[in-house]
C-alpha atoms as a PDB file:
ATOM      1  CA  MET A   1      18.170   6.810 -18.507  1.00  0.00           C
ATOM      2  CA  SER A   2      18.933   4.689 -15.395  1.00  0.00           C
ATOM      3  CA  ASP A   3      18.331   0.983 -14.872  1.00  0.00           C
ATOM      4  CA  LYS A   4      18.122   1.904 -11.150  1.00  0.00           C
ATOM      5  CA  LEU A   5      15.822   3.646  -8.793  1.00  0.00           C
ATOM      6  CA  VAL A   6      16.206   5.109  -5.483  1.00  0.00           C
ATOM      7  CA  ILE A   7      13.010   5.874  -3.716  1.00  0.00           C
ATOM      8  CA  THR A   8      12.491   7.170   0.353  1.00  0.00           C
ATOM      9  CA  ASN A   9       9.816   8.697   2.334  1.00  0.00           C
ATOM     10  CA  GLY A  10      11.620  10.588   4.161  1.00  0.00           C
ATOM     11  CA  GLU A  11      13.165   8.515   6.428  1.00  0.00           C
ATOM     12  CA  GLN A  12      14.455   5.514   4.831  1.00  0.00           C
ATOM     13  CA  LYS A  13      15.808   5.516   1.401  1.00  0.00           C
ATOM     14  CA  PHE A  14      15.429   1.960  -0.892  1.00  0.00           C
ATOM     15  CA  SER A  15      17.435   1.042  -4.162  1.00  0.00           C
ATOM     16  CA  PHE A  16      15.361  -0.824  -6.794  1.00  0.00           C
ATOM     17  CA  ARG A  17      16.687  -2.415  -9.768  1.00  0.00           C
ATOM     18  CA  LYS A  18      13.986  -1.459 -12.955  1.00  0.00           C
ATOM     19  CA  PRO A  19      11.716  -4.584 -13.787  1.00  0.00           C
ATOM     20  CA  THR A  20      12.221  -5.664 -17.230  1.00  0.00           C
ATOM     21  CA  LYS A  21       9.431  -6.021 -20.005  1.00  0.00           C
ATOM     22  CA  ALA A  22       9.827  -9.577 -18.859  1.00  0.00           C
ATOM     23  CA  GLU A  23       9.476  -8.933 -14.878  1.00  0.00           C
ATOM     24  CA  VAL A  24       6.483  -7.215 -15.891  1.00  0.00           C
ATOM     25  CA  LYS A  25       4.645  -9.711 -18.155  1.00  0.00           C
ATOM     26  CA  ARG A  26       5.261 -12.356 -15.452  1.00  0.00           C
ATOM     27  CA  LEU A  27       3.967 -10.070 -13.233  1.00  0.00           C
ATOM     28  CA  PHE A  28       0.524  -9.543 -14.860  1.00  0.00           C
ATOM     29  CA  ASP A  29       0.258 -13.287 -15.175  1.00  0.00           C
ATOM     30  CA  GLU A  30       1.093 -14.108 -11.459  1.00  0.00           C
ATOM     31  CA  PHE A  31      -1.875 -11.423 -10.542  1.00  0.00           C
ATOM     32  CA  SER A  32      -4.204 -13.932 -12.434  1.00  0.00           C
ATOM     33  CA  LYS A  33      -2.821 -16.525 -10.888  1.00  0.00           C
ATOM     34  CA  TYR A  34      -2.798 -15.738  -7.198  1.00  0.00           C
ATOM     35  CA  GLN A  35      -6.091 -13.155  -7.418  1.00  0.00           C
ATOM     36  CA  ASP A  36      -6.488 -14.004  -3.710  1.00  0.00           C
ATOM     37  CA  ASN A  37      -3.069 -13.031  -2.664  1.00  0.00           C
ATOM     38  CA  ILE A  38      -2.034 -10.083  -4.505  1.00  0.00           C
ATOM     39  CA  SER A  39      -0.168  -8.725  -1.586  1.00  0.00           C
ATOM     40  CA  GLY A  40       2.087 -11.385  -1.333  1.00  0.00           C
ATOM     41  CA  VAL A  41       3.317 -10.973  -5.663  1.00  0.00           C
ATOM     42  CA  MET A  42       3.917  -7.502  -4.285  1.00  0.00           C
ATOM     43  CA  GLU A  43       6.173  -8.173  -1.981  1.00  0.00           C
ATOM     44  CA  LYS A  44       7.724 -10.747  -3.550  1.00  0.00           C
ATOM     45  CA  THR A  45       8.311  -8.759  -6.602  1.00  0.00           C
ATOM     46  CA  LEU A  46       9.513  -5.985  -4.871  1.00  0.00           C
ATOM     47  CA  LEU A  47      12.068  -7.795  -3.275  1.00  0.00           C
ATOM     48  CA  SER A  48      13.406  -9.567  -6.128  1.00  0.00           C
ATOM     49  CA  LEU A  49      14.353  -5.709  -7.514  1.00  0.00           C
ATOM     50  CA  ALA A  50      15.212  -4.637  -4.266  1.00  0.00           C
ATOM     51  CA  GLU A  51      18.796  -4.065  -3.521  1.00  0.00           C
ATOM     52  CA  ASP A  52      18.627  -4.277   0.445  1.00  0.00           C
ATOM     53  CA  LYS A  53      16.223  -7.271   0.135  1.00  0.00           C
ATOM     54  CA  GLU A  54      16.812  -7.670   4.237  1.00  0.00           C
ATOM     55  CA  ASN A  55      15.878  -3.545   4.813  1.00  0.00           C
ATOM     56  CA  LEU A  56      13.018  -3.604   2.703  1.00  0.00           C
ATOM     57  CA  ALA A  57      11.455  -6.483   4.158  1.00  0.00           C
ATOM     58  CA  THR A  58      12.020  -5.367   7.804  1.00  0.00           C
ATOM     59  CA  PHE A  59      10.853  -2.403   7.059  1.00  0.00           C
ATOM     60  CA  LEU A  60       7.849  -3.724   5.421  1.00  0.00           C
ATOM     61  CA  GLU A  61       7.278  -6.068   8.330  1.00  0.00           C
ATOM     62  CA  GLN A  62       6.993  -2.780  10.310  1.00  0.00           C
ATOM     63  CA  LYS A  63       4.804  -0.984   7.967  1.00  0.00           C
ATOM     64  CA  PRO A  64       2.859  -3.486   5.702  1.00  0.00           C
ATOM     65  CA  GLY A  65       0.585  -0.802   4.882  1.00  0.00           C
ATOM     66  CA  ALA A  66       3.704   1.055   2.903  1.00  0.00           C
ATOM     67  CA  LEU A  67       3.664  -1.931   0.291  1.00  0.00           C
ATOM     68  CA  PRO A  68       1.497  -0.462  -2.457  1.00  0.00           C
ATOM     69  CA  ALA A  69       2.722   3.065  -2.189  1.00  0.00           C
ATOM     70  CA  LEU A  70       6.185   1.451  -2.640  1.00  0.00           C
ATOM     71  CA  PHE A  71       4.943  -0.790  -5.212  1.00  0.00           C
ATOM     72  CA  ASN A  72       3.168   1.970  -7.599  1.00  0.00           C
ATOM     73  CA  LYS A  73       6.127   4.127  -7.144  1.00  0.00           C
ATOM     74  CA  VAL A  74       8.549   1.460  -8.651  1.00  0.00           C
ATOM     75  CA  PHE A  75       6.110   0.029 -11.613  1.00  0.00           C
ATOM     76  CA  GLU A  76       5.215   3.860 -12.617  1.00  0.00           C
ATOM     77  CA  GLU A  77       8.593   3.563 -14.235  1.00  0.00           C
ATOM     78  CA  VAL A  78       7.492   0.916 -16.488  1.00  0.00           C
ATOM     79  CA  GLY A  79       4.128   2.562 -17.378  1.00  0.00           C
ATOM     80  CA  PHE A  80       2.029   1.635 -14.388  1.00  0.00           C
ATOM     81  CA  GLY A  81      -0.012   4.561 -13.454  1.00  0.00           C
ATOM     82  CA  GLU A  82       0.008   5.755 -17.332  1.00  0.00           C
ATOM     83  CA  ASN A  83      -2.528   7.941 -17.983  1.00  0.00           C
ATOM     84  CA  PHE A  84      -4.589   8.139 -21.221  1.00  0.00           C
ATOM     85  CA  LEU A  85      -7.725  10.231 -22.577  1.00  0.00           C
ATOM     86  CA  VAL A  86     -10.299   9.294 -25.320  1.00  0.00           C
ATOM     87  CA  VAL A  87      -9.801  11.564 -27.418  1.00  0.00           C
ATOM     88  CA  GLU A  88     -12.214   9.810 -30.493  1.00  0.00           C
ATOM     89  CA  LYS A  89     -14.952   7.917 -30.647  1.00  0.00           C
END
């Protein structure tokens, strides 16, 4: 399994390094600490993982609404969005 993710929207391609366990834990801490600036935490985190930070920053400046979709796609690779079902109570 590769530590590199390449994501495209059909127009542009972005490469990211997969987040480490320590980075995921730090992300949870930052979400808790900066609840009034979740989008800032998301953007900072994505930029820290991006191969071409300048290109990503420019894209997010032009299309700020794409931030959650990009963030979710990157973090799906480390368990975000994992679905669980209660099978016994």
